N, C-alpha and C. Protein backbone atom coordinates (compact mmCIF):
# COMPACT_ATOMS: atom_id res chain seq x y z
N MET A 1 15.78 3.45 22.40
CA MET A 1 15.85 3.04 20.98
C MET A 1 15.66 4.18 20.11
N ASN A 2 16.55 4.45 19.21
CA ASN A 2 16.61 5.64 18.27
C ASN A 2 15.54 5.40 17.19
N ASN A 3 15.15 4.17 16.85
CA ASN A 3 14.41 3.94 15.63
C ASN A 3 12.85 3.66 15.93
N THR A 4 12.34 3.96 17.08
CA THR A 4 10.99 3.80 17.46
C THR A 4 9.93 4.31 16.54
N ALA A 5 10.08 5.52 16.17
CA ALA A 5 9.11 6.06 15.22
C ALA A 5 9.07 5.44 13.87
N SER A 6 10.30 5.15 13.33
CA SER A 6 10.41 4.43 12.09
C SER A 6 9.93 3.03 12.06
N ILE A 7 10.14 2.30 13.29
CA ILE A 7 9.50 1.06 13.41
C ILE A 7 7.99 1.09 13.41
N LEU A 8 7.42 2.18 14.12
CA LEU A 8 5.96 2.28 14.22
C LEU A 8 5.32 2.55 12.86
N VAL A 9 6.09 3.38 11.98
CA VAL A 9 5.67 3.60 10.54
C VAL A 9 5.60 2.37 9.88
N LEU A 10 6.71 1.55 9.95
CA LEU A 10 6.77 0.29 9.19
C LEU A 10 5.69 -0.68 9.56
N VAL A 11 5.38 -0.74 10.95
CA VAL A 11 4.32 -1.59 11.47
C VAL A 11 3.07 -1.16 10.91
N PHE A 12 2.83 0.15 10.81
CA PHE A 12 1.59 0.65 10.40
C PHE A 12 1.40 0.29 8.80
N LEU A 13 2.50 0.50 8.08
CA LEU A 13 2.41 0.15 6.65
C LEU A 13 2.31 -1.39 6.36
N ALA A 14 2.94 -2.17 7.20
CA ALA A 14 2.84 -3.58 7.14
C ALA A 14 1.49 -4.04 7.44
N ILE A 15 0.79 -3.57 8.41
CA ILE A 15 -0.54 -3.85 8.77
C ILE A 15 -1.50 -3.52 7.72
N THR A 16 -1.33 -2.30 7.17
CA THR A 16 -2.13 -1.78 6.15
C THR A 16 -2.14 -2.52 4.91
N PHE A 17 -0.92 -3.01 4.50
CA PHE A 17 -0.93 -3.74 3.14
C PHE A 17 -1.15 -5.21 3.43
N ILE A 18 -0.82 -5.73 4.50
CA ILE A 18 -1.23 -7.15 4.72
C ILE A 18 -2.59 -7.40 4.78
N MET A 19 -3.34 -6.44 5.45
CA MET A 19 -4.89 -6.56 5.56
C MET A 19 -5.49 -6.36 4.16
N SER A 20 -4.97 -5.31 3.46
CA SER A 20 -5.43 -5.08 2.20
C SER A 20 -5.23 -6.17 1.03
N THR A 21 -4.06 -6.91 1.29
CA THR A 21 -3.80 -8.14 0.50
C THR A 21 -4.69 -9.23 0.80
N HIS A 22 -4.80 -9.40 2.08
CA HIS A 22 -5.65 -10.52 2.56
C HIS A 22 -7.06 -10.34 2.03
N GLU A 23 -7.57 -9.13 2.14
CA GLU A 23 -9.05 -8.92 1.72
C GLU A 23 -9.17 -9.17 0.22
N LYS A 24 -8.30 -8.67 -0.61
CA LYS A 24 -8.38 -8.86 -1.97
C LYS A 24 -8.19 -10.37 -2.38
N PHE A 25 -7.18 -11.00 -1.84
CA PHE A 25 -6.87 -12.37 -2.24
C PHE A 25 -7.87 -13.30 -1.72
N PHE A 26 -8.29 -13.24 -0.48
CA PHE A 26 -9.15 -14.34 0.19
C PHE A 26 -10.58 -14.07 -0.03
N HIS A 27 -10.88 -12.83 -0.48
CA HIS A 27 -12.27 -12.42 -0.88
C HIS A 27 -12.33 -11.96 -2.16
N TRP A 28 -11.76 -12.53 -3.15
CA TRP A 28 -11.53 -11.98 -4.49
C TRP A 28 -13.06 -11.68 -5.05
N ASN A 29 -13.94 -12.58 -4.92
CA ASN A 29 -15.26 -12.37 -5.57
C ASN A 29 -15.86 -11.15 -5.02
N ASP A 30 -15.94 -10.99 -3.77
CA ASP A 30 -16.39 -9.75 -3.06
C ASP A 30 -15.65 -8.61 -3.57
N THR A 31 -14.49 -8.71 -3.67
CA THR A 31 -13.70 -7.56 -4.18
C THR A 31 -13.99 -7.11 -5.57
N MET A 32 -14.20 -8.18 -6.40
CA MET A 32 -14.52 -7.86 -7.76
C MET A 32 -15.92 -7.39 -7.93
N ALA A 33 -16.87 -7.81 -7.02
CA ALA A 33 -18.20 -7.29 -6.95
C ALA A 33 -18.28 -5.81 -6.60
N TRP A 34 -17.33 -5.47 -5.84
CA TRP A 34 -17.38 -4.10 -5.50
C TRP A 34 -16.55 -3.15 -6.60
N MET A 35 -15.33 -3.70 -7.07
CA MET A 35 -14.52 -2.97 -7.92
C MET A 35 -15.02 -2.84 -9.24
N LYS A 36 -15.75 -3.78 -9.85
CA LYS A 36 -16.16 -3.68 -11.25
C LYS A 36 -17.13 -2.52 -11.45
N PRO A 37 -18.14 -2.48 -10.66
CA PRO A 37 -18.96 -1.30 -10.71
C PRO A 37 -18.42 0.12 -10.41
N HIS A 38 -17.36 -0.05 -9.54
CA HIS A 38 -16.68 1.21 -9.06
C HIS A 38 -15.91 1.75 -10.27
N PHE A 39 -15.50 0.95 -11.23
CA PHE A 39 -14.57 1.39 -12.27
C PHE A 39 -15.26 1.18 -13.58
N GLU A 40 -16.64 0.94 -13.56
CA GLU A 40 -17.24 0.80 -14.96
C GLU A 40 -17.31 1.94 -15.87
N LYS A 41 -16.98 3.19 -15.38
CA LYS A 41 -17.01 4.34 -16.31
C LYS A 41 -15.53 4.87 -16.47
N THR A 42 -14.73 3.96 -16.38
CA THR A 42 -13.23 4.48 -16.52
C THR A 42 -12.71 3.57 -17.49
N ILE A 43 -11.32 3.95 -17.79
CA ILE A 43 -10.64 3.16 -18.71
C ILE A 43 -10.33 1.74 -18.30
N LEU A 44 -10.44 1.53 -16.92
CA LEU A 44 -10.11 0.15 -16.38
C LEU A 44 -11.24 -0.79 -16.36
N LYS A 45 -12.51 -0.29 -16.87
CA LYS A 45 -13.71 -1.11 -16.88
C LYS A 45 -13.48 -2.56 -17.31
N ASN A 46 -12.74 -2.72 -18.33
CA ASN A 46 -12.56 -4.17 -18.82
C ASN A 46 -11.22 -4.86 -18.33
N HIS A 47 -10.60 -4.07 -17.37
CA HIS A 47 -9.29 -4.60 -16.85
C HIS A 47 -9.18 -4.72 -15.42
N VAL A 48 -10.32 -4.72 -14.67
CA VAL A 48 -10.36 -4.61 -13.17
C VAL A 48 -9.59 -5.74 -12.63
N PRO A 49 -9.79 -7.05 -13.03
CA PRO A 49 -9.06 -8.23 -12.45
C PRO A 49 -7.51 -8.13 -12.57
N ILE A 50 -7.09 -7.71 -13.77
CA ILE A 50 -5.61 -7.60 -13.94
C ILE A 50 -5.16 -6.37 -13.16
N ALA A 51 -5.81 -5.22 -13.20
CA ALA A 51 -5.31 -4.09 -12.36
C ALA A 51 -5.27 -4.42 -10.88
N THR A 52 -6.24 -5.19 -10.46
CA THR A 52 -6.24 -5.54 -9.04
C THR A 52 -5.16 -6.63 -8.70
N GLY A 53 -4.90 -7.44 -9.68
CA GLY A 53 -3.78 -8.39 -9.55
C GLY A 53 -2.43 -7.61 -9.44
N ILE A 54 -2.23 -6.69 -10.28
CA ILE A 54 -1.10 -5.91 -10.27
C ILE A 54 -0.98 -5.20 -8.90
N LEU A 55 -2.00 -4.57 -8.48
CA LEU A 55 -2.06 -3.85 -7.09
C LEU A 55 -1.66 -4.87 -6.02
N VAL A 56 -2.25 -6.08 -6.03
CA VAL A 56 -2.04 -7.15 -4.99
C VAL A 56 -0.51 -7.42 -5.07
N PHE A 57 0.08 -7.55 -6.19
CA PHE A 57 1.48 -7.90 -6.32
C PHE A 57 2.38 -6.71 -5.68
N PHE A 58 1.90 -5.44 -5.92
CA PHE A 58 2.66 -4.34 -5.24
C PHE A 58 2.49 -4.36 -3.68
N GLU A 59 1.25 -4.74 -3.25
CA GLU A 59 0.95 -4.87 -1.93
C GLU A 59 1.74 -5.92 -1.16
N ILE A 60 1.93 -6.94 -1.85
CA ILE A 60 2.68 -8.08 -1.25
C ILE A 60 4.23 -7.62 -1.12
N ILE A 61 4.83 -7.08 -2.15
CA ILE A 61 6.12 -6.64 -2.11
C ILE A 61 6.40 -5.56 -1.03
N THR A 62 5.44 -4.68 -0.92
CA THR A 62 5.34 -3.70 0.13
C THR A 62 5.41 -4.29 1.54
N SER A 63 4.41 -5.27 1.69
CA SER A 63 4.30 -5.94 2.98
C SER A 63 5.59 -6.66 3.53
N ILE A 64 6.28 -7.37 2.50
CA ILE A 64 7.34 -8.14 2.74
C ILE A 64 8.54 -7.16 3.05
N LEU A 65 8.79 -6.15 2.34
CA LEU A 65 9.77 -5.18 2.52
C LEU A 65 9.56 -4.55 3.89
N SER A 66 8.32 -4.09 4.24
CA SER A 66 8.05 -3.55 5.44
C SER A 66 8.39 -4.36 6.63
N LEU A 67 7.96 -5.67 6.55
CA LEU A 67 8.15 -6.54 7.64
C LEU A 67 9.60 -6.86 7.76
N VAL A 68 10.40 -7.03 6.68
CA VAL A 68 11.74 -7.31 6.77
C VAL A 68 12.48 -6.03 7.42
N GLY A 69 12.02 -4.83 6.85
CA GLY A 69 12.49 -3.70 7.48
C GLY A 69 12.40 -3.35 8.90
N ILE A 70 11.30 -3.96 9.41
CA ILE A 70 11.15 -3.89 11.01
C ILE A 70 12.27 -4.74 11.53
N ILE A 71 12.29 -5.89 11.14
CA ILE A 71 13.26 -6.84 11.65
C ILE A 71 14.71 -6.23 11.60
N GLU A 72 15.10 -5.79 10.39
CA GLU A 72 16.37 -5.24 10.19
C GLU A 72 16.65 -4.06 11.09
N LEU A 73 15.80 -3.13 11.08
CA LEU A 73 15.96 -1.99 12.01
C LEU A 73 16.09 -2.25 13.45
N TYR A 74 15.20 -3.25 13.86
CA TYR A 74 15.36 -3.65 15.20
C TYR A 74 16.66 -4.41 15.61
N LEU A 75 17.08 -5.19 14.76
CA LEU A 75 18.19 -6.08 14.98
C LEU A 75 19.59 -5.43 14.87
N ASN A 76 19.81 -4.58 13.80
CA ASN A 76 20.98 -3.98 13.69
C ASN A 76 20.98 -2.45 13.26
N GLY A 77 19.77 -1.79 13.25
CA GLY A 77 19.71 -0.49 12.95
C GLY A 77 19.65 -0.28 11.41
N GLY A 78 19.72 -1.30 10.59
CA GLY A 78 19.72 -1.11 9.06
C GLY A 78 18.48 -0.53 8.60
N ARG A 79 18.57 0.32 7.56
CA ARG A 79 17.29 0.97 7.10
C ARG A 79 17.01 0.68 5.70
N MET A 80 17.78 -0.21 4.94
CA MET A 80 17.62 -0.39 3.60
C MET A 80 16.24 -0.98 3.25
N PHE A 81 15.96 -2.04 3.87
CA PHE A 81 14.58 -2.75 3.59
C PHE A 81 13.40 -1.83 3.96
N GLY A 82 13.45 -1.29 5.21
CA GLY A 82 12.44 -0.37 5.54
C GLY A 82 12.26 0.73 4.64
N PHE A 83 13.33 1.29 4.15
CA PHE A 83 13.27 2.48 3.12
C PHE A 83 12.57 2.09 1.95
N TYR A 84 12.92 0.84 1.43
CA TYR A 84 12.27 0.35 0.13
C TYR A 84 10.87 -0.05 0.50
N GLY A 85 10.57 -0.62 1.74
CA GLY A 85 9.23 -0.75 2.05
C GLY A 85 8.37 0.50 1.98
N ALA A 86 8.90 1.54 2.60
CA ALA A 86 8.14 2.86 2.50
C ALA A 86 8.08 3.39 1.09
N VAL A 87 9.13 3.18 0.35
CA VAL A 87 8.98 3.69 -1.11
C VAL A 87 7.96 2.91 -1.82
N PHE A 88 8.03 1.54 -1.65
CA PHE A 88 6.90 0.75 -2.39
C PHE A 88 5.50 1.04 -1.82
N SER A 89 5.51 1.53 -0.58
CA SER A 89 4.11 1.94 -0.01
C SER A 89 3.73 3.10 -0.88
N CYS A 90 4.48 4.10 -1.03
CA CYS A 90 4.17 5.29 -1.85
C CYS A 90 3.75 4.95 -3.14
N ILE A 91 4.49 4.13 -3.78
CA ILE A 91 4.20 3.62 -5.20
C ILE A 91 2.76 2.96 -5.28
N THR A 92 2.57 2.04 -4.28
CA THR A 92 1.29 1.38 -4.17
C THR A 92 0.14 2.25 -3.95
N LEU A 93 0.34 3.22 -3.03
CA LEU A 93 -0.66 4.22 -2.83
C LEU A 93 -1.01 5.10 -3.89
N LEU A 94 0.03 5.50 -4.71
CA LEU A 94 -0.18 6.25 -5.84
C LEU A 94 -0.97 5.53 -6.83
N LEU A 95 -0.72 4.22 -7.02
CA LEU A 95 -1.53 3.36 -7.91
C LEU A 95 -2.92 3.49 -7.40
N MET A 96 -3.20 3.31 -6.11
CA MET A 96 -4.58 3.44 -5.63
C MET A 96 -5.16 4.72 -5.85
N LEU A 97 -4.40 5.76 -5.58
CA LEU A 97 -4.82 7.20 -5.85
C LEU A 97 -5.37 7.32 -7.25
N PHE A 98 -4.53 6.88 -8.21
CA PHE A 98 -4.72 7.03 -9.64
C PHE A 98 -6.31 6.36 -9.91
N GLY A 99 -6.33 5.24 -9.32
CA GLY A 99 -7.62 4.43 -9.54
C GLY A 99 -8.84 5.25 -9.01
N GLN A 100 -8.59 5.65 -7.88
CA GLN A 100 -9.77 6.45 -7.23
C GLN A 100 -9.98 7.67 -7.89
N ARG A 101 -9.04 8.46 -8.45
CA ARG A 101 -9.37 9.70 -9.26
C ARG A 101 -9.97 9.35 -10.54
N LEU A 102 -9.58 8.26 -11.05
CA LEU A 102 -10.25 7.82 -12.39
C LEU A 102 -11.75 7.59 -12.13
N ALA A 103 -12.01 6.91 -11.00
CA ALA A 103 -13.32 6.59 -10.73
C ALA A 103 -14.21 7.75 -10.03
N LYS A 104 -13.45 8.87 -9.98
CA LYS A 104 -14.05 10.14 -9.47
C LYS A 104 -14.43 9.91 -8.00
N ASP A 105 -13.78 9.04 -7.35
CA ASP A 105 -14.05 8.82 -5.92
C ASP A 105 -13.17 9.69 -5.08
N PHE A 106 -13.64 10.86 -4.92
CA PHE A 106 -12.81 11.95 -4.29
C PHE A 106 -12.69 11.67 -2.78
N ASP A 107 -13.63 11.03 -2.04
CA ASP A 107 -13.53 10.69 -0.51
C ASP A 107 -12.47 9.59 -0.53
N GLY A 108 -12.48 8.51 -1.40
CA GLY A 108 -11.44 7.38 -1.37
C GLY A 108 -10.06 8.08 -1.64
N ALA A 109 -9.98 8.94 -2.54
CA ALA A 109 -8.68 9.60 -2.83
C ALA A 109 -8.26 10.34 -1.55
N ARG A 110 -9.00 11.00 -0.88
CA ARG A 110 -8.73 11.72 0.19
C ARG A 110 -8.12 10.89 1.34
N THR A 111 -8.80 9.68 1.49
CA THR A 111 -8.46 8.64 2.46
C THR A 111 -7.01 8.24 2.13
N ILE A 112 -6.81 7.90 0.88
CA ILE A 112 -5.40 7.40 0.40
C ILE A 112 -4.32 8.46 0.84
N THR A 113 -4.67 9.83 0.63
CA THR A 113 -3.74 10.86 0.90
C THR A 113 -3.25 10.84 2.36
N ILE A 114 -4.14 10.44 3.34
CA ILE A 114 -3.69 10.29 4.66
C ILE A 114 -2.59 9.22 4.88
N TYR A 115 -2.88 8.04 4.16
CA TYR A 115 -1.87 6.87 4.28
C TYR A 115 -0.62 7.32 3.57
N PHE A 116 -0.74 8.05 2.52
CA PHE A 116 0.54 8.41 1.71
C PHE A 116 1.35 9.39 2.59
N MET A 117 0.68 10.30 3.43
CA MET A 117 1.64 11.17 4.17
C MET A 117 2.38 10.35 5.18
N VAL A 118 1.73 9.26 5.81
CA VAL A 118 2.58 8.41 6.77
C VAL A 118 3.71 7.65 5.96
N ALA A 119 3.39 7.25 4.70
CA ALA A 119 4.40 6.52 3.97
C ALA A 119 5.62 7.47 3.59
N VAL A 120 5.24 8.66 3.20
CA VAL A 120 6.37 9.68 2.99
C VAL A 120 7.13 10.01 4.06
N LEU A 121 6.61 10.02 5.26
CA LEU A 121 7.27 10.31 6.46
C LEU A 121 8.21 9.19 6.69
N GLY A 122 7.76 7.94 6.39
CA GLY A 122 8.70 6.81 6.53
C GLY A 122 9.83 6.87 5.64
N VAL A 123 9.52 7.28 4.37
CA VAL A 123 10.69 7.34 3.31
C VAL A 123 11.65 8.52 3.92
N PHE A 124 11.21 9.53 4.53
CA PHE A 124 11.99 10.58 4.93
C PHE A 124 12.94 10.11 6.11
N TRP A 125 12.19 9.58 7.14
CA TRP A 125 12.94 9.08 8.33
C TRP A 125 13.97 7.94 7.98
N LEU A 126 13.66 7.01 6.96
CA LEU A 126 14.43 5.90 6.69
C LEU A 126 15.54 6.14 5.68
N SER A 127 15.56 7.36 4.98
CA SER A 127 16.53 7.58 3.96
C SER A 127 17.71 8.07 4.58
């Protein structure tokens, strides 16, 4: 199979964003309890729920594109959905990075950078 590495990257991205969406969506109150204090000294302090909603929207799109990309790549070698899944992963991670940098959470930003490298690798392999 020529697409093993690309499929593995897409599986990684799908798991990452499905789990992240699940956590935010099904544990909204816990998420807000953590995020509101995290962003209380930033320009997002009064907009945490809407910013989180926007992030969840991007995570859902990313998850769907990554899952469909896995199927497309496996069935016929097509790369379009996987490519866009990887691109949306990058966009979503950049949104997260922006938030972490605003909050001056440099350890969180560093962690996002690791995920971002995997997503960029996916964009490269799937382009």
